[in-house]
Amino acid sequence: MYYNNHLYKKIQAIQNKATQRRTNRINDARNSVYNEQTSSKMSLLFTPEQVASTKRKVIAKALKDQRDNKRF
C-alpha cells in the first residue's frame, strides 16, 4: 500500500508542477500583452488591431504549450 501511495504522490507532484508551469506561461503571456498595451511608445507604434492580433497569437501559443504539456 505504501508503494501505491508513494507513486500517487509522485504523480500528483508532476501534475502540480505542470499546472504551475502552464499557469505561469499563460500569466506571462497576459502580462506581456498588457505591458505592450500600456507602454505609451508601444501604443503609438501599434494599431489596436495589431495589438489584438498579437494578443491572440500569444495566448494561442500559451494554450498550445499547455496542451503539449498535458502529454507527459
N, C-alpha and C. Protein backbone atom coordinates (compact mmCIF):
# COMPACT_ATOMS: atom_id res chain seq x y z
N MET A 1 0.83 -1.20 0.00
CA MET A 1 0.00 0.00 0.00
C MET A 1 0.87 1.27 0.00
N TYR A 2 1.97 1.20 0.73
CA TYR A 2 2.86 2.36 0.80
C TYR A 2 3.38 2.71 -0.59
N TYR A 3 3.72 1.67 -1.37
CA TYR A 3 4.27 1.91 -2.70
C TYR A 3 3.27 2.65 -3.58
N ASN A 4 2.00 2.22 -3.55
CA ASN A 4 0.97 2.89 -4.34
C ASN A 4 0.79 4.34 -3.91
N ASN A 5 0.80 4.56 -2.61
CA ASN A 5 0.66 5.91 -2.08
C ASN A 5 1.83 6.78 -2.53
N HIS A 6 3.02 6.20 -2.51
CA HIS A 6 4.23 6.91 -2.94
C HIS A 6 4.11 7.30 -4.42
N LEU A 7 3.68 6.35 -5.26
CA LEU A 7 3.51 6.64 -6.68
C LEU A 7 2.47 7.72 -6.89
N TYR A 8 1.37 7.62 -6.16
CA TYR A 8 0.30 8.61 -6.28
C TYR A 8 0.83 10.01 -5.96
N LYS A 9 1.61 10.11 -4.90
CA LYS A 9 2.17 11.41 -4.52
C LYS A 9 3.13 11.93 -5.58
N LYS A 10 3.92 11.02 -6.17
CA LYS A 10 4.85 11.44 -7.23
C LYS A 10 4.08 11.97 -8.44
N ILE A 11 3.03 11.24 -8.82
CA ILE A 11 2.22 11.67 -9.97
C ILE A 11 1.58 13.01 -9.68
N GLN A 12 1.06 13.18 -8.47
CA GLN A 12 0.45 14.46 -8.08
C GLN A 12 1.47 15.59 -8.18
N ALA A 13 2.69 15.33 -7.73
CA ALA A 13 3.73 16.36 -7.76
C ALA A 13 4.04 16.75 -9.20
N ILE A 14 4.12 15.76 -10.09
CA ILE A 14 4.40 16.05 -11.50
C ILE A 14 3.26 16.87 -12.10
N GLN A 15 2.02 16.48 -11.81
CA GLN A 15 0.87 17.20 -12.35
C GLN A 15 0.82 18.62 -11.81
N ASN A 16 1.11 18.79 -10.53
CA ASN A 16 1.10 20.13 -9.93
C ASN A 16 2.16 21.01 -10.57
N LYS A 17 3.33 20.43 -10.82
CA LYS A 17 4.42 21.20 -11.43
C LYS A 17 4.03 21.63 -12.85
N ALA A 18 3.42 20.70 -13.60
CA ALA A 18 2.99 21.01 -14.97
C ALA A 18 1.92 22.10 -14.95
N THR A 19 0.99 22.00 -14.01
CA THR A 19 -0.07 23.02 -13.89
C THR A 19 0.54 24.37 -13.57
N GLN A 20 1.51 24.39 -12.68
CA GLN A 20 2.16 25.65 -12.31
C GLN A 20 2.88 26.27 -13.51
N ARG A 21 3.55 25.42 -14.30
CA ARG A 21 4.25 25.94 -15.49
C ARG A 21 3.25 26.52 -16.48
N ARG A 22 2.13 25.81 -16.69
CA ARG A 22 1.11 26.32 -17.61
C ARG A 22 0.57 27.65 -17.13
N THR A 23 0.25 27.72 -15.84
CA THR A 23 -0.29 28.95 -15.27
C THR A 23 0.70 30.09 -15.43
N ASN A 24 1.97 29.81 -15.14
CA ASN A 24 2.99 30.85 -15.27
C ASN A 24 3.11 31.32 -16.71
N ARG A 25 3.07 30.37 -17.65
CA ARG A 25 3.22 30.72 -19.06
C ARG A 25 2.05 31.59 -19.53
N ILE A 26 0.83 31.21 -19.13
CA ILE A 26 -0.34 32.00 -19.54
C ILE A 26 -0.29 33.38 -18.89
N ASN A 27 0.09 33.44 -17.61
CA ASN A 27 0.19 34.74 -16.94
C ASN A 27 1.27 35.61 -17.58
N ASP A 28 2.40 35.00 -17.94
CA ASP A 28 3.46 35.76 -18.61
C ASP A 28 2.96 36.31 -19.94
N ALA A 29 2.19 35.50 -20.67
CA ALA A 29 1.66 35.95 -21.95
C ALA A 29 0.71 37.13 -21.74
N ARG A 30 -0.16 37.01 -20.74
CA ARG A 30 -1.10 38.11 -20.46
C ARG A 30 -0.36 39.37 -20.03
N ASN A 31 0.65 39.19 -19.18
CA ASN A 31 1.41 40.35 -18.71
C ASN A 31 2.15 41.03 -19.85
N SER A 32 2.73 40.24 -20.75
CA SER A 32 3.48 40.85 -21.85
C SER A 32 2.55 41.64 -22.75
N VAL A 33 1.35 41.09 -22.99
CA VAL A 33 0.38 41.82 -23.83
C VAL A 33 -0.06 43.09 -23.10
N TYR A 34 -0.34 42.98 -21.80
CA TYR A 34 -0.77 44.15 -21.03
C TYR A 34 0.32 45.22 -21.04
N ASN A 35 1.57 44.81 -20.83
CA ASN A 35 2.67 45.77 -20.82
C ASN A 35 2.82 46.43 -22.18
N GLU A 36 2.60 45.64 -23.23
CA GLU A 36 2.71 46.18 -24.59
C GLU A 36 1.63 47.25 -24.81
N GLN A 37 0.43 47.00 -24.29
CA GLN A 37 -0.67 47.94 -24.50
C GLN A 37 -0.49 49.21 -23.66
N THR A 38 0.06 49.07 -22.46
CA THR A 38 0.12 50.23 -21.56
C THR A 38 1.35 51.09 -21.80
N SER A 39 2.34 50.55 -22.45
CA SER A 39 3.53 51.36 -22.74
C SER A 39 3.14 52.42 -23.77
N SER A 40 3.37 53.69 -23.44
CA SER A 40 2.91 54.77 -24.32
C SER A 40 3.58 54.71 -25.69
N LYS A 41 4.87 54.40 -25.71
CA LYS A 41 5.56 54.32 -27.00
C LYS A 41 4.99 53.19 -27.85
N MET A 42 4.74 52.05 -27.21
CA MET A 42 4.20 50.91 -27.95
C MET A 42 2.80 51.24 -28.47
N SER A 43 2.02 51.96 -27.67
CA SER A 43 0.67 52.29 -28.09
C SER A 43 0.69 53.15 -29.35
N LEU A 44 1.71 53.99 -29.47
CA LEU A 44 1.81 54.83 -30.65
C LEU A 44 2.29 54.04 -31.87
N LEU A 45 3.09 52.98 -31.62
CA LEU A 45 3.65 52.22 -32.73
C LEU A 45 2.66 51.23 -33.34
N PHE A 46 1.76 50.69 -32.52
CA PHE A 46 0.86 49.64 -32.99
C PHE A 46 -0.59 50.10 -32.98
N THR A 47 -1.34 49.67 -33.99
CA THR A 47 -2.78 49.94 -34.00
C THR A 47 -3.45 48.95 -33.05
N PRO A 48 -4.66 49.26 -32.59
CA PRO A 48 -5.37 48.31 -31.72
C PRO A 48 -5.56 46.94 -32.38
N GLU A 49 -5.72 46.93 -33.71
CA GLU A 49 -5.89 45.65 -34.41
C GLU A 49 -4.62 44.81 -34.31
N GLN A 50 -3.46 45.47 -34.44
CA GLN A 50 -2.19 44.74 -34.34
C GLN A 50 -1.98 44.20 -32.92
N VAL A 51 -2.34 45.01 -31.93
CA VAL A 51 -2.20 44.57 -30.54
C VAL A 51 -3.11 43.38 -30.28
N ALA A 52 -4.36 43.47 -30.77
CA ALA A 52 -5.32 42.37 -30.57
C ALA A 52 -4.83 41.10 -31.27
N SER A 53 -4.29 41.26 -32.46
CA SER A 53 -3.78 40.11 -33.21
C SER A 53 -2.61 39.46 -32.47
N THR A 54 -1.70 40.28 -31.96
CA THR A 54 -0.56 39.77 -31.21
C THR A 54 -1.03 39.07 -29.94
N LYS A 55 -2.00 39.68 -29.27
CA LYS A 55 -2.54 39.09 -28.04
C LYS A 55 -3.12 37.71 -28.33
N ARG A 56 -3.89 37.60 -29.42
CA ARG A 56 -4.47 36.30 -29.79
C ARG A 56 -3.38 35.27 -30.07
N LYS A 57 -2.33 35.69 -30.78
CA LYS A 57 -1.23 34.76 -31.11
C LYS A 57 -0.51 34.28 -29.85
N VAL A 58 -0.24 35.21 -28.94
CA VAL A 58 0.49 34.85 -27.72
C VAL A 58 -0.34 33.90 -26.87
N ILE A 59 -1.63 34.18 -26.73
CA ILE A 59 -2.49 33.31 -25.93
C ILE A 59 -2.66 31.96 -26.61
N ALA A 60 -2.78 31.95 -27.95
CA ALA A 60 -2.90 30.68 -28.68
C ALA A 60 -1.64 29.84 -28.46
N LYS A 61 -0.48 30.49 -28.46
CA LYS A 61 0.77 29.74 -28.24
C LYS A 61 0.81 29.19 -26.81
N ALA A 62 0.37 29.98 -25.85
CA ALA A 62 0.35 29.51 -24.46
C ALA A 62 -0.59 28.32 -24.31
N LEU A 63 -1.74 28.38 -24.98
CA LEU A 63 -2.69 27.26 -24.90
C LEU A 63 -2.14 26.03 -25.60
N LYS A 64 -1.42 26.24 -26.71
CA LYS A 64 -0.81 25.10 -27.42
C LYS A 64 0.24 24.46 -26.52
N ASP A 65 1.06 25.28 -25.87
CA ASP A 65 2.07 24.75 -24.94
C ASP A 65 1.39 23.99 -23.80
N GLN A 66 0.26 24.51 -23.36
CA GLN A 66 -0.49 23.86 -22.28
C GLN A 66 -0.94 22.47 -22.73
N ARG A 67 -1.45 22.37 -23.96
CA ARG A 67 -1.88 21.06 -24.48
C ARG A 67 -0.68 20.12 -24.60
N ASP A 68 0.44 20.64 -25.08
CA ASP A 68 1.64 19.81 -25.24
C ASP A 68 2.12 19.28 -23.89
N ASN A 69 2.01 20.09 -22.86
CA ASN A 69 2.49 19.68 -21.53
C ASN A 69 1.59 18.64 -20.89
N LYS A 70 0.33 18.56 -21.32
CA LYS A 70 -0.58 17.57 -20.74
C LYS A 70 -0.13 16.16 -21.11
N ARG A 71 0.55 16.03 -22.26
CA ARG A 71 1.05 14.72 -22.68
C ARG A 71 2.44 14.55 -22.06
N PHE A 72 2.51 13.74 -21.02
CA PHE A 72 3.80 13.58 -20.33
C PHE A 72 4.75 12.79 -21.20
